[in-house]
Amino acid sequence: MAPPPLLLRRRRSRPQIKRPRRLHRRRHLQPAGEEKEEKKEKTAFDVKLEGFDAAAKIKVIKEVRGFTELGLKEAKELVEKAPVVVKSGVTKEEAEKIVEKLKGIGAKVAME
């Protein structure tokens, strides 16, 4: 006679326990409270025109033409799209000059 067949055992499904990931070794070994502060200073800024007074629209268009080298039509369309980035990737000093000029005319400008 042949031996009886082996019964296959069913595995009980166990709920999966989520375990926290191991921390990166370097970060884990640093004392608490001391974190590296390697914030790089921003070198390129964007000048954003957020709005302007209706009476100062022509002055704003002229100034935008001056520092963007756009034609009259393009500058007008750009100003009318406000809020819009007027100039991007400029140095901090140049961006501050542009912001001062536009604020002096009556425009609302932000440097990002």
Protein backbone atom coordinates (compact mmCIF):
# COMPACT_ATOMS: atom_id res chain seq x y z
CA MET A 1 0.00 0.00 0.00
CA ALA A 2 1.00 3.55 -0.69
CA PRO A 3 1.52 5.99 2.16
CA PRO A 4 -1.31 8.52 2.67
CA PRO A 5 -0.77 11.88 0.88
CA LEU A 6 0.62 14.72 2.95
CA LEU A 7 -1.85 17.40 3.76
CA LEU A 8 -0.87 20.90 2.76
CA ARG A 9 -1.10 23.39 5.56
CA ARG A 10 -2.77 26.68 4.92
CA ARG A 11 -0.90 29.76 6.02
CA ARG A 12 -2.83 32.19 8.07
CA SER A 13 -2.65 35.68 6.71
CA ARG A 14 -0.98 37.95 9.19
CA PRO A 15 -1.58 41.67 9.17
CA GLN A 16 1.40 43.54 7.82
CA ILE A 17 3.05 45.74 10.40
CA LYS A 18 4.59 48.88 8.99
CA ARG A 19 7.97 49.42 10.46
CA PRO A 20 9.67 52.80 10.30
CA ARG A 21 12.48 53.07 7.82
CA ARG A 22 15.92 53.25 9.21
CA LEU A 23 17.32 56.71 9.35
CA HIS A 24 20.25 57.61 7.22
CA ARG A 25 23.33 56.78 9.16
CA ARG A 26 24.88 60.26 9.18
CA ARG A 27 21.68 61.99 10.15
CA HIS A 28 21.02 59.39 12.80
CA LEU A 29 24.41 59.91 14.41
CA GLN A 30 24.14 63.72 14.61
CA PRO A 31 23.12 65.10 17.97
CA ALA A 32 19.53 66.29 18.16
CA GLY A 33 19.05 69.98 17.51
CA GLU A 34 22.20 70.36 15.46
CA GLU A 35 21.31 70.33 11.81
CA LYS A 36 23.46 71.47 8.99
CA GLU A 37 22.48 74.85 7.73
CA GLU A 38 23.72 75.02 4.20
CA LYS A 39 21.23 77.46 2.81
CA LYS A 40 22.58 78.97 -0.34
CA GLU A 41 21.84 82.58 -0.98
CA LYS A 42 19.64 83.19 -3.93
CA THR A 43 21.55 84.77 -6.81
CA ALA A 44 18.89 85.05 -9.50
CA PHE A 45 15.67 86.95 -8.80
CA ASP A 46 12.40 87.48 -10.63
CA VAL A 47 10.56 90.79 -10.72
CA LYS A 48 6.81 90.29 -10.63
CA LEU A 49 4.32 93.00 -11.51
CA GLU A 50 1.29 92.37 -9.32
CA GLY A 51 -0.78 95.40 -10.27
CA PHE A 52 -0.76 99.12 -10.99
CA ASP A 53 -2.87 102.24 -10.76
CA ALA A 54 -5.00 102.87 -13.84
CA ALA A 55 -3.67 106.43 -14.06
CA ALA A 56 -0.06 105.15 -14.12
CA LYS A 57 -0.55 102.52 -16.83
CA ILE A 58 1.32 104.43 -19.54
CA LYS A 59 4.25 105.15 -17.22
CA VAL A 60 4.44 101.49 -16.22
CA ILE A 61 4.45 100.43 -19.88
CA LYS A 62 7.30 102.87 -20.62
CA GLU A 63 9.39 101.57 -17.73
CA VAL A 64 8.75 97.94 -18.68
CA ARG A 65 9.86 98.75 -22.22
CA GLY A 66 13.02 100.31 -20.85
CA PHE A 67 14.37 97.31 -18.98
CA THR A 68 12.90 94.45 -21.03
CA GLU A 69 13.72 95.77 -24.52
CA LEU A 70 10.22 94.92 -25.73
CA GLY A 71 8.26 96.86 -28.29
CA LEU A 72 5.29 99.01 -27.34
CA LYS A 73 2.70 96.39 -28.22
CA GLU A 74 4.49 93.56 -26.39
CA ALA A 75 5.10 95.69 -23.30
CA LYS A 76 1.45 96.77 -23.22
CA GLU A 77 0.25 93.17 -23.46
CA LEU A 78 2.67 92.12 -20.74
CA VAL A 79 1.53 94.88 -18.36
CA GLU A 80 -2.14 94.12 -18.98
CA LYS A 81 -1.59 90.46 -17.99
CA ALA A 82 -0.71 91.48 -14.41
CA PRO A 83 0.14 89.64 -12.17
CA VAL A 84 3.04 88.51 -14.33
CA VAL A 85 6.81 88.07 -14.09
CA VAL A 86 8.25 91.02 -15.94
CA LYS A 87 11.93 90.12 -15.74
CA SER A 88 13.50 86.90 -14.51
CA GLY A 89 16.99 85.74 -13.66
CA VAL A 90 18.42 89.13 -12.71
CA THR A 91 20.86 89.98 -9.95
CA LYS A 92 19.64 91.29 -6.63
CA GLU A 93 20.95 94.82 -7.27
CA GLU A 94 19.32 95.05 -10.70
CA ALA A 95 16.05 93.64 -9.36
CA GLU A 96 16.02 96.20 -6.54
CA LYS A 97 16.54 99.04 -9.03
CA ILE A 98 13.65 97.83 -11.17
CA VAL A 99 11.38 97.44 -8.12
CA GLU A 100 12.21 100.98 -6.93
CA LYS A 101 11.45 102.48 -10.35
CA LEU A 102 8.13 100.68 -10.70
CA LYS A 103 7.03 101.43 -7.14
CA GLY A 104 7.90 105.09 -7.68
CA ILE A 105 5.50 105.21 -10.61
CA GLY A 106 2.65 103.60 -8.69
CA ALA A 107 2.94 99.92 -9.54
CA LYS A 108 2.71 97.03 -7.08
CA VAL A 109 5.83 94.94 -7.55
CA ALA A 110 7.35 91.94 -5.79
CA MET A 111 10.83 90.49 -5.96
CA GLU A 112 10.89 86.68 -5.87
